[in-house]
């Protein structure tokens, strides 16, 4: 009995051991070769895991972008606007093909610069920009940001070219300054007073009294001429000082001065008010509307004041760049002073000086960065070309 039990137990142990071996070998594979860390199997497994992670991240970003786009559309619709989902392609932009001077002149032929209002002129030029016919109109209007400018800063940023003396707005200059005009006014007044007293003293009573009245009108006439046509006063003073230009230099100076006005006015987006041949000089003279709105009573915005400051000083700056000295900007400064009084914001004396110096420096930068166009424009003025031809000469210039 004991032997039978022993045999039975031994048999059961063998059966159990065999069953355990089968179970172990079934679930633990036999490895015939050791795995290498650089094997293709490991690389493939790692790359597939990385790609899956990247794909998951891309899908998450796409979902987030779609959600943000949907929120933006909802917000824009609430504001009464609509965001276009159309993708931007290169065909969405206007052609940048450079037109010839003749083509540009032809495109400008539809604009009547002599009779069109400021609004009409601005709109037509804007349309030509959208069509790709023009590229320089208002090219600098968006970058006009005024800031205080000292005389030292203006001089240093222009390489010493722009100073109070070279611009003709301070004393001790090599040409006619505002102080020269003041001295001349005092001299005329004192001289007229002495002559009037002498007439009363040494001439017969009726004759002396009559002559005294006429002499009293001389200072008044001098001031009137200085206010309306300061060039006549400065021209006379230049001859007295021996600093007047020769006929050829004077002609060149006029064209340089007006070309500076024209170029900066066009770049700043000021519509043209008049372009006529000056009877006194025989060459074109340019004048701009102070605003794109045709009215003489509306207040001027700070953007318009900034553009006017640049254009007012551009003639004198052009003279400095060409001749080293300006002598024809007194009238421009007086006109700028009148326009500053129309500003919607109060402009005190210090800010006026800052605007004047900033305008001079900005005009200098505009002309210097467009020097080849500026030279072409001078040639057009010397040849007395039309407004359309002047614009075409700078638009077609490389």
Foldseek 3Di string as FASTA:
>chain_A
DVVVVVVVVVVVVVVVVVVVVVVVCVPDPDDPDDDDCPDPVNVVVVVVVVVVVVVVVVVVVVVVVVVVVVVVQVVQVVVVHGDDPDDDDPVVAADQDFDALVVLLVLCPVDDLAPDALQVQLVSVVVCVRNNSFDQFQQCLVVLDFDFDDQVNLCVLLVNLDHCQQLQDDPPHPAHHPVNLVVVLVVLQVVLVVQLVVLCVPPPNVRSVVVNVVSNCRSVVSVVCCQPPVVVVRQVVCVVVVNDDDLVVVLLLVLLLQLQLVSLCRNNNFRWHDWDQDPVNRFTHTDTDLDSDPDDQAADEPSSLLSLLLSLSRSSLSCCVPPSHGDPRPNSLSVSVVNQVSHPDDQDPSNSVRSNSRSSSVSNVSCVVQVVLSVQLSVCRSVRHDPSSNSSSSRNGD
